Amino acid sequence: MASLESVLVAGLVHLFFRFALYITPQSTLLTPGPTLPTIIVGVAILDLIYDYRIVPLSMYKRARGIKYICECFVAILFLEVGMLIFWQTIEHLVYLIAKMLLLEMDIVSLDYYYRHETFIIGSFTLPISLGILVLVSRITNHFKMLSRRYMSPQTHVYLRLDNTVRFLRHTDRYKNIRFREAFEKYNSTGNDPKRRSVWVKYFQNYT
């Protein structure tokens, strides 16, 4: 995997060139539309870059600073190629096809199209960019890892509580009427997500 630092640097450099300095490549592919789909595709490309080793293994034997510098240059190169060749081509093709279909088939009037061109083109490019992001996230599995990171502690607590209940059922203290009442309270809540907190409060009152 590429280092997170190099990926972040590549993203910041791209944003700095594009929005801070207003540097855009001279190209005949002038495509109207919102900026949000471009940002989404940029995030997807950065996620893909982060998932792969982008420098030779020999670079890992060199000083860490040299490795990071090389990774930054390669990450910037991949990001710019992905944005300027891959996404810009797709975006322009979508623009041409959408414009041709909408105007040639008289779905919208010419005046309405040019007054709402940005919104119309965005309604086509935004779903495509989201589809690219979902596809990349399924390849890299990073979003699932993030969800597991934040959801797993709660799941572990629930599992430990269930295991505690099973353990206490086989102890001598289960013969105590207060413990049996606590277990009945726990079971009566069924699959209610709040049953653990209710059971814990009820159980503590009897211990």
Protein backbone atom coordinates (compact mmCIF):
# COMPACT_ATOMS: atom_id res chain seq x y z
CA MET A 1 0.00 0.00 0.00
CA ALA A 2 1.08 3.55 -0.67
CA SER A 3 1.66 5.74 2.35
CA LEU A 4 -1.26 7.84 3.50
CA GLU A 5 0.96 10.91 3.54
CA SER A 6 1.78 10.67 -0.17
CA VAL A 7 -1.88 10.19 -1.07
CA LEU A 8 -2.89 13.23 0.96
CA VAL A 9 -0.11 15.31 -0.59
CA ALA A 10 -1.26 14.29 -4.08
CA GLY A 11 -4.80 15.34 -3.28
CA LEU A 12 -3.72 18.67 -1.79
CA VAL A 13 -1.45 19.44 -4.74
CA HIS A 14 -4.26 18.70 -7.18
CA LEU A 15 -6.66 20.96 -5.28
CA PHE A 16 -4.04 23.69 -5.00
CA PHE A 17 -3.32 23.70 -8.73
CA ARG A 18 -6.96 23.43 -9.72
CA PHE A 19 -8.71 25.81 -7.34
CA ALA A 20 -6.11 28.00 -5.62
CA LEU A 21 -3.98 28.85 -8.65
CA TYR A 22 -6.78 28.25 -11.17
CA ILE A 23 -4.43 26.20 -13.33
CA THR A 24 -6.34 24.06 -15.78
CA PRO A 25 -4.83 22.14 -18.71
CA GLN A 26 -5.40 23.56 -22.17
CA SER A 27 -7.86 21.16 -23.68
CA THR A 28 -10.58 21.17 -26.29
CA LEU A 29 -12.76 19.04 -24.00
CA LEU A 30 -14.76 21.83 -22.43
CA THR A 31 -17.47 20.14 -20.39
CA PRO A 32 -20.06 22.09 -18.42
CA GLY A 33 -21.28 20.62 -15.19
CA PRO A 34 -20.89 20.77 -11.40
CA THR A 35 -17.62 20.19 -9.59
CA LEU A 36 -18.97 17.58 -7.16
CA PRO A 37 -18.68 14.58 -9.55
CA THR A 38 -15.06 15.50 -10.25
CA ILE A 39 -14.32 15.62 -6.51
CA ILE A 40 -15.98 12.23 -5.97
CA VAL A 41 -13.94 10.63 -8.75
CA GLY A 42 -10.81 12.23 -7.33
CA VAL A 43 -11.51 10.62 -3.96
CA ALA A 44 -12.06 7.27 -5.69
CA ILE A 45 -8.74 7.53 -7.55
CA LEU A 46 -6.92 8.47 -4.34
CA ASP A 47 -8.49 5.47 -2.60
CA LEU A 48 -7.30 3.24 -5.44
CA ILE A 49 -3.78 4.70 -5.30
CA TYR A 50 -3.65 4.14 -1.54
CA ASP A 51 -4.54 0.47 -1.99
CA TYR A 52 -1.55 -0.36 -4.22
CA ARG A 53 2.21 -0.22 -3.91
CA ILE A 54 3.16 2.52 -6.38
CA VAL A 55 6.96 2.46 -6.03
CA PRO A 56 9.41 -0.43 -6.54
CA LEU A 57 10.35 -2.58 -3.57
CA SER A 58 13.91 -1.28 -3.78
CA MET A 59 12.64 2.13 -2.64
CA TYR A 60 11.64 0.63 0.71
CA LYS A 61 15.32 -0.01 1.45
CA ARG A 62 16.21 3.64 1.04
CA ALA A 63 15.71 6.49 3.46
CA ARG A 64 12.11 7.08 4.43
CA GLY A 65 12.19 10.66 3.19
CA ILE A 66 13.33 9.60 -0.29
CA LYS A 67 10.63 6.94 -0.41
CA TYR A 68 7.94 9.45 0.56
CA ILE A 69 9.12 11.96 -2.05
CA CYS A 70 9.03 9.32 -4.79
CA GLU A 71 5.60 8.15 -3.67
CA CYS A 72 4.32 11.71 -3.73
CA PHE A 73 5.50 12.26 -7.31
CA VAL A 74 4.04 8.95 -8.49
CA ALA A 75 0.75 9.54 -6.66
CA ILE A 76 0.44 13.02 -8.19
CA LEU A 77 1.17 11.56 -11.64
CA PHE A 78 -1.44 8.80 -11.27
CA LEU A 79 -4.02 11.23 -9.92
CA GLU A 80 -3.54 13.72 -12.74
CA VAL A 81 -3.62 10.99 -15.39
CA GLY A 82 -6.76 9.53 -13.87
CA MET A 83 -8.50 12.88 -13.68
CA LEU A 84 -7.39 14.41 -16.97
CA ILE A 85 -7.53 11.33 -19.19
CA PHE A 86 -9.93 8.86 -17.58
CA TRP A 87 -12.55 11.07 -15.92
CA GLN A 88 -12.40 14.04 -18.30
CA THR A 89 -12.96 11.72 -21.27
CA ILE A 90 -15.92 9.99 -19.61
CA GLU A 91 -17.41 13.30 -18.50
CA HIS A 92 -17.14 14.78 -21.99
CA LEU A 93 -18.68 11.71 -23.63
CA VAL A 94 -21.58 11.84 -21.19
CA TYR A 95 -22.01 15.53 -21.97
CA LEU A 96 -22.09 14.96 -25.75
CA ILE A 97 -24.47 12.00 -25.55
CA ALA A 98 -26.82 13.72 -23.10
CA LYS A 99 -26.91 16.93 -25.12
CA MET A 100 -27.54 15.08 -28.37
CA LEU A 101 -30.34 12.93 -26.96
CA LEU A 102 -32.09 15.73 -25.11
CA LEU A 103 -32.02 18.19 -28.00
CA GLU A 104 -32.36 15.88 -30.98
CA MET A 105 -35.31 14.04 -29.45
CA ASP A 106 -36.89 17.32 -28.27
CA ILE A 107 -37.02 16.14 -24.67
CA VAL A 108 -36.21 19.68 -23.53
CA SER A 109 -36.23 22.96 -25.40
CA LEU A 110 -33.02 24.63 -26.48
CA ASP A 111 -33.63 27.62 -24.22
CA TYR A 112 -34.38 25.44 -21.19
CA TYR A 113 -31.28 23.31 -21.82
CA TYR A 114 -28.86 26.21 -21.89
CA ARG A 115 -30.44 27.87 -18.86
CA HIS A 116 -30.07 24.66 -16.81
CA GLU A 117 -27.14 23.02 -18.57
CA THR A 118 -25.01 22.63 -15.44
CA PHE A 119 -27.81 20.94 -13.51
CA ILE A 120 -28.79 18.69 -16.44
CA ILE A 121 -25.25 17.47 -17.08
CA GLY A 122 -24.70 17.02 -13.35
CA SER A 123 -27.76 14.76 -13.15
CA PHE A 124 -25.90 12.39 -15.49
CA THR A 125 -22.32 12.72 -14.25
CA LEU A 126 -23.11 12.57 -10.52
CA PRO A 127 -24.59 9.02 -10.58
CA ILE A 128 -21.67 7.86 -12.74
CA SER A 129 -19.14 9.32 -10.31
CA LEU A 130 -20.93 7.71 -7.36
CA GLY A 131 -20.91 4.40 -9.23
CA ILE A 132 -17.15 4.71 -9.74
CA LEU A 133 -16.68 5.44 -6.04
CA VAL A 134 -18.78 2.42 -5.03
CA LEU A 135 -16.88 0.18 -7.46
CA VAL A 136 -13.51 1.34 -6.14
CA SER A 137 -14.66 0.96 -2.53
CA ARG A 138 -15.63 -2.64 -3.25
CA ILE A 139 -12.20 -3.27 -4.76
CA THR A 140 -10.18 -1.66 -1.97
CA ASN A 141 -12.59 -2.57 0.87
CA HIS A 142 -11.50 0.54 2.77
CA PHE A 143 -14.97 1.86 3.52
CA LYS A 144 -15.99 -1.48 4.97
CA MET A 145 -12.87 -1.43 7.12
CA LEU A 146 -13.81 2.02 8.42
CA SER A 147 -17.35 0.90 9.22
CA ARG A 148 -16.03 -2.15 11.06
CA ARG A 149 -13.62 0.01 12.99
CA TYR A 150 -16.42 2.15 14.37
CA MET A 151 -19.11 -0.54 14.64
CA SER A 152 -17.10 -3.46 16.00
CA PRO A 153 -16.63 -2.15 19.59
CA GLN A 154 -20.38 -1.97 20.05
CA THR A 155 -20.78 -5.43 18.53
CA HIS A 156 -18.12 -6.82 20.84
CA VAL A 157 -19.89 -5.39 23.86
CA TYR A 158 -23.14 -7.05 22.82
CA LEU A 159 -21.41 -10.39 22.26
CA ARG A 160 -19.65 -10.23 25.61
CA LEU A 161 -22.92 -9.47 27.33
CA ASP A 162 -24.59 -12.45 25.68
CA ASN A 163 -21.68 -14.67 26.68
CA THR A 164 -21.89 -13.37 30.24
CA VAL A 165 -25.55 -14.30 30.40
CA ARG A 166 -24.80 -17.80 29.16
CA PHE A 167 -22.02 -18.18 31.71
CA LEU A 168 -24.11 -16.99 34.65
CA ARG A 169 -26.86 -19.43 33.76
CA HIS A 170 -24.49 -22.29 34.64
CA THR A 171 -23.35 -20.88 37.97
CA ASP A 172 -24.74 -21.48 41.43
CA ARG A 173 -25.86 -17.88 41.68
CA TYR A 174 -28.48 -18.59 39.01
CA LYS A 175 -30.46 -20.30 41.76
CA ASN A 176 -30.91 -16.90 43.35
CA ILE A 177 -34.37 -15.54 42.62
CA ARG A 178 -33.02 -12.09 41.86
CA PHE A 179 -30.74 -13.47 39.17
CA ARG A 180 -33.59 -15.42 37.60
CA GLU A 181 -35.70 -12.27 37.52
CA ALA A 182 -32.85 -10.42 35.85
CA PHE A 183 -32.52 -13.12 33.19
CA GLU A 184 -36.25 -13.09 32.57
CA LYS A 185 -36.09 -9.35 32.12
CA TYR A 186 -33.23 -9.77 29.67
CA ASN A 187 -35.06 -12.41 27.64
CA SER A 188 -38.37 -10.54 27.61
CA THR A 189 -36.86 -7.66 25.66
CA GLY A 190 -36.20 -10.00 22.70
CA ASN A 191 -34.29 -8.38 19.84
CA ASP A 192 -34.83 -4.86 21.06
CA PRO A 193 -31.56 -2.92 20.44
CA LYS A 194 -31.97 -1.24 23.82
CA ARG A 195 -32.35 -4.48 25.72
CA ARG A 196 -28.70 -4.54 26.82
CA SER A 197 -28.84 -1.19 28.53
CA VAL A 198 -32.23 -2.01 30.08
CA TRP A 199 -30.96 -5.38 31.27
CA VAL A 200 -27.77 -3.93 32.72
CA LYS A 201 -29.67 -1.32 34.75
CA TYR A 202 -32.13 -3.95 35.92
CA PHE A 203 -29.38 -6.40 36.77
CA GLN A 204 -27.37 -3.84 38.74
CA ASN A 205 -30.39 -3.11 40.90
CA TYR A 206 -30.39 -6.72 42.07
CA THR A 207 -26.67 -7.14 42.70
